[in-house]
C-alpha atoms as a PDB file:
ATOM      1  CA  MET A   1      92.982 130.041  91.673  1.00  0.00           C
ATOM      2  CA  PRO A   2      96.001 129.545  93.978  1.00  0.00           C
ATOM      3  CA  ARG A   3      97.696 126.170  93.902  1.00  0.00           C
ATOM      4  CA  PRO A   4      96.969 124.087  97.025  1.00  0.00           C
ATOM      5  CA  GLN A   5      99.798 124.083  99.541  1.00  0.00           C
ATOM      6  CA  LYS A   6     101.876 120.909  99.619  1.00  0.00           C
ATOM      7  CA  SER A   7     101.940 119.117 102.962  1.00  0.00           C
ATOM      8  CA  ARG A   8     105.301 119.150 104.704  1.00  0.00           C
ATOM      9  CA  ARG A   9     106.594 115.789 105.921  1.00  0.00           C
ATOM     10  CA  ILE A  10     107.615 115.635 109.577  1.00  0.00           C
ATOM     11  CA  CYS A  11     109.407 112.801 111.346  1.00  0.00           C
ATOM     12  CA  CYS A  12     107.043 112.418 114.304  1.00  0.00           C
ATOM     13  CA  TYR A  13     105.201 114.355 116.963  1.00  0.00           C
ATOM     14  CA  PRO A  14     107.343 116.232 119.511  1.00  0.00           C
ATOM     15  CA  ASP A  15     107.682 114.995 123.071  1.00  0.00           C
ATOM     16  CA  TYR A  16     107.100 118.494 124.492  1.00  0.00           C
ATOM     17  CA  TRP A  17     104.252 120.716 123.315  1.00  0.00           C
ATOM     18  CA  SER A  18     104.449 123.923 125.346  1.00  0.00           C
ATOM     19  CA  PHE A  19     107.062 126.139 126.987  1.00  0.00           C
ATOM     20  CA  ALA A  20     106.592 129.144 129.256  1.00  0.00           C
ATOM     21  CA  PRO A  21     108.638 131.641 131.300  1.00  0.00           C
ATOM     22  CA  ASP A  22     109.267 130.924 134.987  1.00  0.00           C
ATOM     23  CA  GLN A  23     106.137 130.855 137.142  1.00  0.00           C
ATOM     24  CA  ASP A  24     104.053 130.855 133.951  1.00  0.00           C
ATOM     25  CA  THR A  25     104.048 134.670 133.715  1.00  0.00           C
ATOM     26  CA  ALA A  26     103.684 134.654 129.931  1.00  0.00           C
ATOM     27  CA  ASN A  27     102.313 137.871 128.464  1.00  0.00           C
ATOM     28  CA  ASP A  28     100.794 136.102 125.465  1.00  0.00           C
ATOM     29  CA  THR A  29     100.933 132.855 123.524  1.00  0.00           C
ATOM     30  CA  VAL A  30     102.839 132.135 120.342  1.00  0.00           C
ATOM     31  CA  VAL A  31     101.563 129.152 118.360  1.00  0.00           C
ATOM     32  CA  MET A  32     104.288 127.303 116.454  1.00  0.00           C
ATOM     33  CA  THR A  33     103.017 124.806 113.886  1.00  0.00           C
ATOM     34  CA  LEU A  34     104.499 121.339 113.666  1.00  0.00           C
ATOM     35  CA  ASP A  35     106.087 122.014 110.273  1.00  0.00           C
ATOM     36  CA  GLU A  36     107.729 125.143 111.747  1.00  0.00           C
ATOM     37  CA  PHE A  37     108.947 123.072 114.701  1.00  0.00           C
ATOM     38  CA  GLU A  38     110.373 120.495 112.280  1.00  0.00           C
ATOM     39  CA  THR A  39     112.585 123.105 110.590  1.00  0.00           C
ATOM     40  CA  ILE A  40     113.974 124.160 113.986  1.00  0.00           C
ATOM     41  CA  ARG A  41     114.591 120.510 114.916  1.00  0.00           C
ATOM     42  CA  LEU A  42     116.363 119.675 111.673  1.00  0.00           C
ATOM     43  CA  ILE A  43     118.351 122.876 111.072  1.00  0.00           C
ATOM     44  CA  ASP A  44     119.142 124.178 114.555  1.00  0.00           C
ATOM     45  CA  TYR A  45     119.094 120.970 116.612  1.00  0.00           C
ATOM     46  CA  GLN A  46     120.452 118.451 114.092  1.00  0.00           C
ATOM     47  CA  SER A  47     122.628 121.005 112.229  1.00  0.00           C
ATOM     48  CA  LYS A  48     121.289 120.088 108.806  1.00  0.00           C
ATOM     49  CA  THR A  49     121.419 122.517 105.889  1.00  0.00           C
ATOM     50  CA  GLN A  50     118.246 124.041 104.529  1.00  0.00           C
ATOM     51  CA  GLU A  51     118.702 121.873 101.433  1.00  0.00           C
ATOM     52  CA  GLN A  52     118.870 118.730 103.565  1.00  0.00           C
ATOM     53  CA  CYS A  53     115.864 119.924 105.572  1.00  0.00           C
ATOM     54  CA  ALA A  54     113.906 120.462 102.357  1.00  0.00           C
ATOM     55  CA  GLN A  55     114.704 116.914 101.224  1.00  0.00           C
ATOM     56  CA  GLU A  56     113.559 115.408 104.501  1.00  0.00           C
ATOM     57  CA  MET A  57     110.363 117.463 104.536  1.00  0.00           C
ATOM     58  CA  ASN A  58     109.722 116.788 100.831  1.00  0.00           C
ATOM     59  CA  VAL A  59     109.331 120.473  99.894  1.00  0.00           C
ATOM     60  CA  ALA A  60     111.329 123.097  97.996  1.00  0.00           C
ATOM     61  CA  ARG A  61     114.250 124.818  99.723  1.00  0.00           C
ATOM     62  CA  THR A  62     112.520 128.190  99.300  1.00  0.00           C
ATOM     63  CA  THR A  63     109.549 126.782 101.204  1.00  0.00           C
ATOM     64  CA  VAL A  64     111.831 125.637 104.020  1.00  0.00           C
ATOM     65  CA  THR A  65     113.438 129.083 104.153  1.00  0.00           C
ATOM     66  CA  ALA A  66     110.046 130.750 104.572  1.00  0.00           C
ATOM     67  CA  ILE A  67     108.898 128.270 107.252  1.00  0.00           C
ATOM     68  CA  TYR A  68     112.200 128.501 109.114  1.00  0.00           C
ATOM     69  CA  ASP A  69     112.197 132.321 109.116  1.00  0.00           C
ATOM     70  CA  THR A  70     108.695 132.329 110.596  1.00  0.00           C
ATOM     71  CA  ALA A  71     109.667 129.776 113.240  1.00  0.00           C
ATOM     72  CA  ARG A  72     112.754 131.752 114.279  1.00  0.00           C
ATOM     73  CA  LYS A  73     110.693 134.945 114.538  1.00  0.00           C
ATOM     74  CA  LYS A  74     108.263 133.193 116.875  1.00  0.00           C
ATOM     75  CA  LEU A  75     111.115 131.903 119.029  1.00  0.00           C
ATOM     76  CA  ALA A  76     112.542 135.416 119.249  1.00  0.00           C
ATOM     77  CA  GLN A  77     109.177 136.862 120.271  1.00  0.00           C
ATOM     78  CA  ALA A  78     108.808 134.241 123.003  1.00  0.00           C
ATOM     79  CA  LEU A  79     112.305 134.826 124.395  1.00  0.00           C
ATOM     80  CA  VAL A  80     112.324 138.625 124.256  1.00  0.00           C
ATOM     81  CA  GLU A  81     108.685 139.333 125.113  1.00  0.00           C
ATOM     82  CA  GLY A  82     108.157 136.516 127.634  1.00  0.00           C
ATOM     83  CA  ARG A  83     105.533 134.725 125.606  1.00  0.00           C
ATOM     84  CA  ARG A  84     104.394 131.137 126.037  1.00  0.00           C
ATOM     85  CA  ILE A  85     105.055 128.812 123.095  1.00  0.00           C
ATOM     86  CA  VAL A  86     102.462 126.192 122.142  1.00  0.00           C
ATOM     87  CA  ILE A  87     103.131 123.699 119.340  1.00  0.00           C
ATOM     88  CA  SER A  88      99.978 122.843 117.425  1.00  0.00           C
ATOM     89  CA  GLY A  89      98.556 122.315 113.958  1.00  0.00           C
ATOM     90  CA  GLY A  90     100.139 123.135 110.625  1.00  0.00           C
ATOM     91  CA  ASN A  91     100.140 121.736 107.110  1.00  0.00           C
ATOM     92  CA  TYR A  92     101.999 118.471 107.562  1.00  0.00           C
ATOM     93  CA  THR A  93     101.972 114.732 107.035  1.00  0.00           C
ATOM     94  CA  LEU A  94     103.625 112.260 109.376  1.00  0.00           C
ATOM     95  CA  ASP A  95     106.425 110.101 108.071  1.00  0.00           C
ATOM     96  CA  ASN A  96     104.754 106.699 107.795  1.00  0.00           C
ATOM     97  CA  THR A  97     107.199 104.181 109.255  1.00  0.00           C
ATOM     98  CA  ILE A  98     104.807 101.605 110.710  1.00  0.00           C
ATOM     99  CA  SER A  99     105.275  97.932 110.031  1.00  0.00           C
ATOM    100  CA  GLU A 100     103.637  96.437 106.967  1.00  0.00           C
ATOM    101  CA  GLU A 101     102.200  93.771 109.277  1.00  0.00           C
ATOM    102  CA  ILE A 102      99.612  96.261 110.525  1.00  0.00           C
ATOM    103  CA  THR A 103      96.490  95.790 108.468  1.00  0.00           C
ATOM    104  CA  ARG A 104      94.731  98.807 106.994  1.00  0.00           C
ATOM    105  CA  LYS A 105      91.137  99.322 108.069  1.00  0.00           C
ATOM    106  CA  GLY A 106      88.066 100.634 106.315  1.00  0.00           C
ATOM    107  CA  SER A 107      86.266 103.846 107.212  1.00  0.00           C
ATOM    108  CA  THR A 108      83.473 101.946 108.993  1.00  0.00           C
ATOM    109  CA  ILE A 109      85.883 100.134 111.333  1.00  0.00           C
ATOM    110  CA  MET A 110      86.858 101.552 114.736  1.00  0.00           C
ATOM    111  CA  ARG A 111      90.377 100.630 115.854  1.00  0.00           C
ATOM    112  CA  ILE A 112      91.178 100.517 119.586  1.00  0.00           C
ATOM    113  CA  ALA A 113      94.823 100.414 120.661  1.00  0.00           C
ATOM    114  CA  VAL A 114      95.888  99.230 124.114  1.00  0.00           C
ATOM    115  CA  THR A 115      99.371  99.464 125.625  1.00  0.00           C
ATOM    116  CA  TYR A 116     100.127  95.786 126.037  1.00  0.00           C
ATOM    117  CA  GLU A 117     102.312  93.382 128.015  1.00  0.00           C
ATOM    118  CA  ASN A 118     101.446  89.734 128.727  1.00  0.00           C
ATOM    119  CA  GLY A 119      97.717  90.293 128.465  1.00  0.00           C
ATOM    120  CA  GLN A 120      97.750  93.337 130.733  1.00  0.00           C
ATOM    121  CA  ILE A 121      97.567  97.080 130.127  1.00  0.00           C
ATOM    122  CA  PHE A 122     101.176  98.278 130.186  1.00  0.00           C
ATOM    123  CA  GLN A 123     101.458 101.127 132.661  1.00  0.00           C
ATOM    124  CA  HIS A 124     104.020 103.533 131.143  1.00  0.00           C
ATOM    125  CA  PHE A 125     102.982 104.872 127.744  1.00  0.00           C
ATOM    126  CA  GLY A 126     106.416 106.265 126.835  1.00  0.00           C
ATOM    127  CA  ARG A 127     108.024 102.821 127.253  1.00  0.00           C
ATOM    128  CA  THR A 128     105.416 100.835 125.356  1.00  0.00           C
ATOM    129  CA  GLU A 129     106.968  98.076 123.253  1.00  0.00           C
ATOM    130  CA  GLN A 130     103.694  96.530 122.074  1.00  0.00           C
ATOM    131  CA  PHE A 131     100.154  97.610 121.338  1.00  0.00           C
ATOM    132  CA  LYS A 132      97.217  95.275 120.980  1.00  0.00           C
ATOM    133  CA  LEU A 133      94.893  96.510 118.254  1.00  0.00           C
ATOM    134  CA  TYR A 134      91.210  95.655 118.279  1.00  0.00           C
ATOM    135  CA  ASP A 135      89.081  96.318 115.175  1.00  0.00           C
ATOM    136  CA  VAL A 136      85.414  96.857 115.958  1.00  0.00           C
ATOM    137  CA  ALA A 137      82.365  96.850 113.671  1.00  0.00           C
ATOM    138  CA  ASP A 138      78.737  97.110 114.827  1.00  0.00           C
ATOM    139  CA  GLY A 139      79.896  97.018 118.431  1.00  0.00           C
ATOM    140  CA  LYS A 140      81.746  93.710 118.058  1.00  0.00           C
ATOM    141  CA  ILE A 141      85.439  92.861 117.820  1.00  0.00           C
ATOM    142  CA  ILE A 142      86.179  91.455 114.363  1.00  0.00           C
ATOM    143  CA  ASN A 143      89.971  91.331 114.490  1.00  0.00           C
ATOM    144  CA  GLU A 144      92.781  91.436 117.078  1.00  0.00           C
ATOM    145  CA  GLN A 145      96.473  92.012 116.442  1.00  0.00           C
ATOM    146  CA  ILE A 146      99.566  92.484 118.648  1.00  0.00           C
ATOM    147  CA  VAL A 147     102.162  94.766 117.060  1.00  0.00           C
ATOM    148  CA  GLY A 148     105.617  96.025 118.033  1.00  0.00           C
ATOM    149  CA  THR A 149     106.133  99.773 118.231  1.00  0.00           C
ATOM    150  CA  MET A 150     109.456  99.902 116.313  1.00  0.00           C
ATOM    151  CA  GLY A 151     110.745 102.546 118.687  1.00  0.00           C
ATOM    152  CA  ALA A 152     109.779 104.489 121.791  1.00  0.00           C
ATOM    153  CA  GLY A 153     109.308 107.989 123.113  1.00  0.00           C
ATOM    154  CA  HIS A 154     106.005 109.764 123.529  1.00  0.00           C
ATOM    155  CA  GLY A 155     105.992 111.697 120.265  1.00  0.00           C
ATOM    156  CA  ALA A 156     107.111 108.739 118.176  1.00  0.00           C
ATOM    157  CA  LEU A 157     104.486 106.486 119.741  1.00  0.00           C
ATOM    158  CA  ALA A 158     101.733 109.021 119.102  1.00  0.00           C
ATOM    159  CA  GLY A 159     102.751 109.196 115.458  1.00  0.00           C
ATOM    160  CA  PHE A 160     102.867 105.405 115.323  1.00  0.00           C
ATOM    161  CA  LEU A 161      99.271 105.207 116.548  1.00  0.00           C
ATOM    162  CA  LYS A 162      98.071 107.819 114.062  1.00  0.00           C
ATOM    163  CA  ASN A 163      99.735 105.999 111.178  1.00  0.00           C
ATOM    164  CA  ALA A 164      98.271 102.722 112.483  1.00  0.00           C
ATOM    165  CA  GLN A 165      94.824 104.353 112.124  1.00  0.00           C
ATOM    166  CA  ALA A 166      93.964 104.081 115.826  1.00  0.00           C
ATOM    167  CA  ASP A 167      90.768 105.849 116.863  1.00  0.00           C
ATOM    168  CA  VAL A 168      90.988 105.129 120.611  1.00  0.00           C
ATOM    169  CA  LEU A 169      93.901 104.577 123.018  1.00  0.00           C
ATOM    170  CA  ILE A 170      93.476 102.696 126.292  1.00  0.00           C
ATOM    171  CA  CYS A 171      96.558 102.882 128.518  1.00  0.00           C
ATOM    172  CA  GLY A 172      97.889 103.240 132.038  1.00  0.00           C
ATOM    173  CA  GLY A 173      99.897 106.314 132.973  1.00  0.00           C
ATOM    174  CA  ILE A 174     100.523 108.866 130.241  1.00  0.00           C
ATOM    175  CA  GLY A 175     102.280 112.225 130.535  1.00  0.00           C
ATOM    176  CA  GLY A 176     100.910 115.621 129.596  1.00  0.00           C
ATOM    177  CA  GLY A 177     102.943 115.885 126.392  1.00  0.00           C
ATOM    178  CA  ALA A 178     101.677 112.541 125.140  1.00  0.00           C
ATOM    179  CA  GLN A 179      98.125 113.576 125.993  1.00  0.00           C
ATOM    180  CA  MET A 180      98.563 116.653 123.795  1.00  0.00           C
ATOM    181  CA  ALA A 181      99.944 114.433 121.041  1.00  0.00           C
ATOM    182  CA  MET A 182      96.835 112.247 121.226  1.00  0.00           C
ATOM    183  CA  GLN A 183      94.667 115.332 120.903  1.00  0.00           C
ATOM    184  CA  GLU A 184      96.662 116.523 117.880  1.00  0.00           C
ATOM    185  CA  ALA A 185      96.336 113.063 116.322  1.00  0.00           C
ATOM    186  CA  GLY A 186      92.572 112.983 116.890  1.00  0.00           C
ATOM    187  CA  ILE A 187      92.767 109.844 119.062  1.00  0.00           C
ATOM    188  CA  ALA A 188      90.322 109.505 121.970  1.00  0.00           C
ATOM    189  CA  LEU A 189      92.260 108.822 125.182  1.00  0.00           C
ATOM    190  CA  TYR A 190      91.257 106.515 128.025  1.00  0.00           C
ATOM    191  CA  GLY A 191      94.229 106.663 130.377  1.00  0.00           C
ATOM    192  CA  GLY A 192      94.864 105.620 133.952  1.00  0.00           C
ATOM    193  CA  ASN A 193      93.598 102.056 133.452  1.00  0.00           C
ATOM    194  CA  MET A 194      94.971  98.804 134.890  1.00  0.00           C
ATOM    195  CA  GLY A 195      94.324  95.090 134.517  1.00  0.00           C
ATOM    196  CA  SER A 196      93.352  92.944 131.555  1.00  0.00           C
ATOM    197  CA  ALA A 197      93.546  94.566 128.120  1.00  0.00           C
ATOM    198  CA  ASP A 198      90.663  92.432 126.827  1.00  0.00           C
ATOM    199  CA  GLU A 199      88.454  93.343 129.787  1.00  0.00           C
ATOM    200  CA  ALA A 200      89.198  97.051 129.339  1.00  0.00           C
ATOM    201  CA  VAL A 201      88.137  96.896 125.692  1.00  0.00           C
ATOM    202  CA  ALA A 202      84.983  95.022 126.680  1.00  0.00           C
ATOM    203  CA  ALA A 203      84.239  97.778 129.214  1.00  0.00           C
ATOM    204  CA  PHE A 204      84.827 100.429 126.543  1.00  0.00           C
ATOM    205  CA  LEU A 205      82.370  98.709 124.194  1.00  0.00           C
ATOM    206  CA  ALA A 206      79.873  98.478 127.044  1.00  0.00           C
ATOM    207  CA  GLN A 207      80.402 102.209 127.641  1.00  0.00           C
ATOM    208  CA  THR A 208      81.504 101.618 131.231  1.00  0.00           C
ATOM    209  CA  LEU A 209      85.198 102.497 130.836  1.00  0.00           C
ATOM    210  CA  VAL A 210      85.903 105.833 132.535  1.00  0.00           C
ATOM    211  CA  GLN A 211      87.927 108.599 130.878  1.00  0.00           C
ATOM    212  CA  ASN A 212      90.350 109.613 133.626  1.00  0.00           C
ATOM    213  CA  GLU A 213      90.783 113.407 133.562  1.00  0.00           C
ATOM    214  CA  ASN A 214      94.362 113.236 134.878  1.00  0.00           C
ATOM    215  CA  PRO A 215      95.963 109.933 133.798  1.00  0.00           C
ATOM    216  CA  THR A 216      99.516 111.067 134.571  1.00  0.00           C
ATOM    217  CA  CYS A 217     102.455 108.735 134.320  1.00  0.00           C
ATOM    218  CA  ASP A 218     103.685 108.473 137.928  1.00  0.00           C
ATOM    219  CA  HIS A 219     107.145 107.176 136.985  1.00  0.00           C
ATOM    220  CA  HIS A 220     107.917 110.567 135.413  1.00  0.00           C
ATOM    221  CA  ALA A 221     107.928 112.353 138.720  1.00  0.00           C
ATOM    222  CA  HIS A 222     109.364 109.570 140.874  1.00  0.00           C
ATOM    223  CA  GLU A 223     112.149 108.364 138.570  1.00  0.00           C
ATOM    224  CA  HIS A 224     113.087 111.287 136.367  1.00  0.00           C
ATOM    225  CA  GLY A 225     111.495 114.496 137.537  1.00  0.00           C
ATOM    226  CA  GLU A 226     108.655 116.286 135.805  1.00  0.00           C
ATOM    227  CA  GLY A 227     108.695 116.549 132.044  1.00  0.00           C
ATOM    228  CA  HIS A 228     111.441 114.002 131.322  1.00  0.00           C
ATOM    229  CA  SER A 229     110.809 111.796 128.333  1.00  0.00           C
ATOM    230  CA  CYS A 230     111.396 108.061 128.259  1.00  0.00           C
ATOM    231  CA  GLY A 231     112.812 105.840 125.556  1.00  0.00           C
ATOM    232  CA  ASP A 232     114.284 106.847 122.224  1.00  0.00           C
ATOM    233  CA  HIS A 233     112.495 109.648 120.439  1.00  0.00           C
ATOM    234  CA  GLY A 234     112.604 107.858 117.123  1.00  0.00           C
ATOM    235  CA  CYS A 235     113.964 110.810 115.134  1.00  0.00           C
ATOM    236  CA  GLY A 236     117.616 110.537 116.023  1.00  0.00           C
ATOM    237  CA  THR A 237     117.275 112.237 119.411  1.00  0.00           C
ATOM    238  CA  HIS A 238     118.133 110.594 122.694  1.00  0.00           C
ATOM    239  CA  SER A 239     116.299 110.645 125.975  1.00  0.00           C
ATOM    240  CA  CYS A 240     116.261 108.515 129.099  1.00  0.00           C
ATOM    241  CA  GLY A 241     115.762 105.005 127.838  1.00  0.00           C
ATOM    242  CA  ASN A 242     119.413 104.107 127.352  1.00  0.00           C
ATOM    243  CA  HIS A 243     121.618 105.985 129.818  1.00  0.00           C
END
């Protein structure tokens, strides 16, 4: 019987989840897994050796070599053949860097996370500095906690929420990449909301909170242009938070 494959440790979710030729004329789609993406990020983007990459991903160097070769082949196919790249899935575990102050929850508890600032739903997901966590059992809130995010950037925040065991996210504006990260993390998204965080959670529990189909983050287009990420990525990469 083959030995089960060891999960590869990745820093956090990416900020960008798909790439396509101009005018979206892709002939086909290439799916790059998150562990494949991590080898490209570490070796090609951060100029680490394969040995260093293996240490960070907690796998053997030979395993990194195989993953990296596959990832490079997919990149070549996309560039030469005009294919669309989608990042999704893979055999990985997220690097757990959340604060010890966040309590662990049992399997029967639902945890709702809300982007939070002074009692209100904070409107720009990628800049969120605090989440308010609500633990729910039998339809009632049994615990509330305000926690700092220890970083920013869409991918890092998505990983933070997954490691914090969030089941639901209630927020204001949220970009397409972060929405894909929520889907990858298995977190139900209720975006495009405003007003009191407590009232939004009450509406969710009453099943009257609407799931906005297009809860885009307006500041992306107005301040930075489409697709720009905000804050620090959390993995040693820099984006627009500190120009």
